Amino acid sequence: MIRLFFLVPIIMCIIWYWYLKSNDYSIKQGLKGFGYIFAFNGTIIAFFVVMLFLTN
């Protein structure tokens, strides 16, 4: 399952892009949201990497 984690940020970015376009916002206006998505997913991935090293 861990090998599929790369799909989570892609799916979240697609949903965010769809939200921006459906509400007539530009990508530049939603750039901060993309940053939050990558920061959130980076935190989750870092947590799981730490857990992998701690439990081995």
C-alpha atoms as a PDB file:
ATOM      1  CA  MET A   1       0.000   0.000   0.000  1.00  0.00           C
ATOM      2  CA  ILE A   2       2.855   2.378   0.707  1.00  0.00           C
ATOM      3  CA  ARG A   3       3.882   2.231  -2.934  1.00  0.00           C
ATOM      4  CA  LEU A   4       0.570   3.890  -3.877  1.00  0.00           C
ATOM      5  CA  PHE A   5       1.105   6.997  -1.700  1.00  0.00           C
ATOM      6  CA  PHE A   6       2.233   8.983  -4.724  1.00  0.00           C
ATOM      7  CA  LEU A   7      -1.396   8.905  -5.911  1.00  0.00           C
ATOM      8  CA  VAL A   8      -2.720  10.829  -2.899  1.00  0.00           C
ATOM      9  CA  PRO A   9      -1.142  14.221  -3.745  1.00  0.00           C
ATOM     10  CA  ILE A  10      -1.999  13.772  -7.422  1.00  0.00           C
ATOM     11  CA  ILE A  11      -5.657  13.100  -6.637  1.00  0.00           C
ATOM     12  CA  MET A  12      -5.800  15.974  -4.157  1.00  0.00           C
ATOM     13  CA  CYS A  13      -4.248  18.348  -6.717  1.00  0.00           C
ATOM     14  CA  ILE A  14      -6.748  17.252  -9.365  1.00  0.00           C
ATOM     15  CA  ILE A  15      -9.619  17.896  -6.967  1.00  0.00           C
ATOM     16  CA  TRP A  16      -8.156  21.283  -6.012  1.00  0.00           C
ATOM     17  CA  TYR A  17      -7.682  22.196  -9.698  1.00  0.00           C
ATOM     18  CA  TRP A  18     -11.278  21.186 -10.424  1.00  0.00           C
ATOM     19  CA  TYR A  19     -12.478  23.337  -7.500  1.00  0.00           C
ATOM     20  CA  LEU A  20     -10.498  26.334  -8.745  1.00  0.00           C
ATOM     21  CA  LYS A  21     -11.799  26.023 -12.293  1.00  0.00           C
ATOM     22  CA  SER A  22     -15.428  25.470 -11.246  1.00  0.00           C
ATOM     23  CA  ASN A  23     -15.354  28.638  -9.113  1.00  0.00           C
ATOM     24  CA  ASP A  24     -13.542  30.754 -11.738  1.00  0.00           C
ATOM     25  CA  TYR A  25     -10.265  31.121  -9.851  1.00  0.00           C
ATOM     26  CA  SER A  26      -6.921  31.081 -11.611  1.00  0.00           C
ATOM     27  CA  ILE A  27      -4.189  28.612 -10.778  1.00  0.00           C
ATOM     28  CA  LYS A  28      -2.091  31.526  -9.541  1.00  0.00           C
ATOM     29  CA  GLN A  29      -4.804  32.381  -7.006  1.00  0.00           C
ATOM     30  CA  GLY A  30      -4.872  28.749  -5.816  1.00  0.00           C
ATOM     31  CA  LEU A  31      -1.119  28.299  -5.636  1.00  0.00           C
ATOM     32  CA  LYS A  32      -1.141  28.490  -1.850  1.00  0.00           C
ATOM     33  CA  GLY A  33      -3.582  25.557  -1.767  1.00  0.00           C
ATOM     34  CA  PHE A  34      -1.222  23.441  -3.848  1.00  0.00           C
ATOM     35  CA  GLY A  35       1.535  24.268  -1.354  1.00  0.00           C
ATOM     36  CA  TYR A  36      -0.674  23.135   1.514  1.00  0.00           C
ATOM     37  CA  ILE A  37      -1.472  19.902  -0.306  1.00  0.00           C
ATOM     38  CA  PHE A  38       2.212  19.097  -0.827  1.00  0.00           C
ATOM     39  CA  ALA A  39       3.129  20.080   2.736  1.00  0.00           C
ATOM     40  CA  PHE A  40       0.335  17.917   4.173  1.00  0.00           C
ATOM     41  CA  ASN A  41       1.277  14.914   2.056  1.00  0.00           C
ATOM     42  CA  GLY A  42       4.976  15.412   2.770  1.00  0.00           C
ATOM     43  CA  THR A  43       4.210  15.317   6.488  1.00  0.00           C
ATOM     44  CA  ILE A  44       2.221  12.115   6.124  1.00  0.00           C
ATOM     45  CA  ILE A  45       4.942  10.454   4.043  1.00  0.00           C
ATOM     46  CA  ALA A  46       7.634  11.552   6.504  1.00  0.00           C
ATOM     47  CA  PHE A  47       5.602  10.097   9.375  1.00  0.00           C
ATOM     48  CA  PHE A  48       5.306   6.736   7.643  1.00  0.00           C
ATOM     49  CA  VAL A  49       9.011   6.686   6.756  1.00  0.00           C
ATOM     50  CA  VAL A  50       9.878   7.321  10.407  1.00  0.00           C
ATOM     51  CA  MET A  51       7.485   4.582  11.492  1.00  0.00           C
ATOM     52  CA  LEU A  52       9.092   2.152   9.037  1.00  0.00           C
ATOM     53  CA  PHE A  53      12.527   2.805  10.538  1.00  0.00           C
ATOM     54  CA  LEU A  54      11.286   2.645  14.130  1.00  0.00           C
ATOM     55  CA  THR A  55       9.425  -0.638  13.721  1.00  0.00           C
ATOM     56  CA  ASN A  56      12.182  -2.529  11.897  1.00  0.00           C
END
